[in-house]
Amino acid sequence: MPFIEVKLYEGRSQEQKQALVDKITEAFEEITGTPKDHVWIVFRDVPGDQCAMGGKLQ
């Protein structure tokens, strides 16, 4: 059973996350042949103040 972890800046809506779930699940099923009810996806919302890019805190 595949387990997919998606890390995002916090603040995405449930609708946006559902759209990602739909597309990720569809692609995984199409490419690997894994039934969609076996695809697990977990979201990790990361606060912006806990991220750095280019050597600078966001």
C-alpha atoms as a PDB file:
ATOM      1  CA  MET A   1       0.000   0.000   0.000  1.00  0.00           C
ATOM      2  CA  PRO A   2       1.637   3.296  -1.041  1.00  0.00           C
ATOM      3  CA  PHE A   3       1.868   6.084   1.507  1.00  0.00           C
ATOM      4  CA  ILE A   4       2.397   9.565   0.066  1.00  0.00           C
ATOM      5  CA  GLU A   5       3.350  12.520   2.270  1.00  0.00           C
ATOM      6  CA  VAL A   6       2.768  16.048   0.973  1.00  0.00           C
ATOM      7  CA  LYS A   7       4.337  18.968   2.815  1.00  0.00           C
ATOM      8  CA  LEU A   8       2.895  22.413   2.135  1.00  0.00           C
ATOM      9  CA  TYR A   9       2.981  25.865   3.599  1.00  0.00           C
ATOM     10  CA  GLU A  10      -0.028  26.095   5.884  1.00  0.00           C
ATOM     11  CA  GLY A  11      -3.126  27.877   4.632  1.00  0.00           C
ATOM     12  CA  ARG A  12      -4.310  25.688   1.762  1.00  0.00           C
ATOM     13  CA  SER A  13      -8.071  25.153   1.716  1.00  0.00           C
ATOM     14  CA  GLN A  14      -9.771  21.773   1.984  1.00  0.00           C
ATOM     15  CA  GLU A  15     -10.885  22.256  -1.636  1.00  0.00           C
ATOM     16  CA  GLN A  16      -7.284  22.723  -2.786  1.00  0.00           C
ATOM     17  CA  LYS A  17      -6.153  19.670  -0.839  1.00  0.00           C
ATOM     18  CA  GLN A  18      -9.004  17.600  -2.274  1.00  0.00           C
ATOM     19  CA  ALA A  19      -8.005  18.663  -5.811  1.00  0.00           C
ATOM     20  CA  LEU A  20      -4.429  17.517  -5.072  1.00  0.00           C
ATOM     21  CA  VAL A  21      -5.697  14.227  -3.636  1.00  0.00           C
ATOM     22  CA  ASP A  22      -7.766  13.627  -6.776  1.00  0.00           C
ATOM     23  CA  LYS A  23      -4.849  14.255  -9.149  1.00  0.00           C
ATOM     24  CA  ILE A  24      -2.194  12.435  -7.116  1.00  0.00           C
ATOM     25  CA  THR A  25      -4.425   9.391  -6.659  1.00  0.00           C
ATOM     26  CA  GLU A  26      -5.363   9.341 -10.343  1.00  0.00           C
ATOM     27  CA  ALA A  27      -1.723   9.560 -11.441  1.00  0.00           C
ATOM     28  CA  PHE A  28      -0.567   6.904  -8.983  1.00  0.00           C
ATOM     29  CA  GLU A  29      -3.319   4.526 -10.069  1.00  0.00           C
ATOM     30  CA  GLU A  30      -2.614   5.127 -13.769  1.00  0.00           C
ATOM     31  CA  ILE A  31       1.169   4.774 -13.534  1.00  0.00           C
ATOM     32  CA  THR A  32       1.509   1.960 -10.985  1.00  0.00           C
ATOM     33  CA  GLY A  33      -1.777   0.114 -11.360  1.00  0.00           C
ATOM     34  CA  THR A  34      -2.431   0.418  -7.627  1.00  0.00           C
ATOM     35  CA  PRO A  35      -6.168   0.565  -6.877  1.00  0.00           C
ATOM     36  CA  LYS A  36      -7.129   4.037  -5.704  1.00  0.00           C
ATOM     37  CA  ASP A  37      -8.583   2.746  -2.447  1.00  0.00           C
ATOM     38  CA  HIS A  38      -5.069   1.537  -1.527  1.00  0.00           C
ATOM     39  CA  VAL A  39      -3.417   4.949  -1.987  1.00  0.00           C
ATOM     40  CA  TRP A  40      -2.830   6.800   1.282  1.00  0.00           C
ATOM     41  CA  ILE A  41      -2.034  10.529   1.241  1.00  0.00           C
ATOM     42  CA  VAL A  42      -1.185  12.596   4.316  1.00  0.00           C
ATOM     43  CA  PHE A  43      -0.732  16.364   4.372  1.00  0.00           C
ATOM     44  CA  ARG A  44       1.753  18.092   6.643  1.00  0.00           C
ATOM     45  CA  ASP A  45       1.012  21.796   6.968  1.00  0.00           C
ATOM     46  CA  VAL A  46       4.228  23.643   7.746  1.00  0.00           C
ATOM     47  CA  PRO A  47       4.073  27.125   9.294  1.00  0.00           C
ATOM     48  CA  GLY A  48       5.871  29.687   7.146  1.00  0.00           C
ATOM     49  CA  ASP A  49       8.077  30.772  10.026  1.00  0.00           C
ATOM     50  CA  GLN A  50       9.478  27.227  10.157  1.00  0.00           C
ATOM     51  CA  CYS A  51      10.880  27.355   6.609  1.00  0.00           C
ATOM     52  CA  ALA A  52      13.959  28.841   5.017  1.00  0.00           C
ATOM     53  CA  MET A  53      14.855  29.341   1.364  1.00  0.00           C
ATOM     54  CA  GLY A  54      18.071  30.672  -0.072  1.00  0.00           C
ATOM     55  CA  GLY A  55      19.615  30.944   3.385  1.00  0.00           C
ATOM     56  CA  LYS A  56      16.794  33.136   4.750  1.00  0.00           C
ATOM     57  CA  LEU A  57      13.898  32.350   7.004  1.00  0.00           C
ATOM     58  CA  GLN A  58      10.575  32.905   5.317  1.00  0.00           C
END
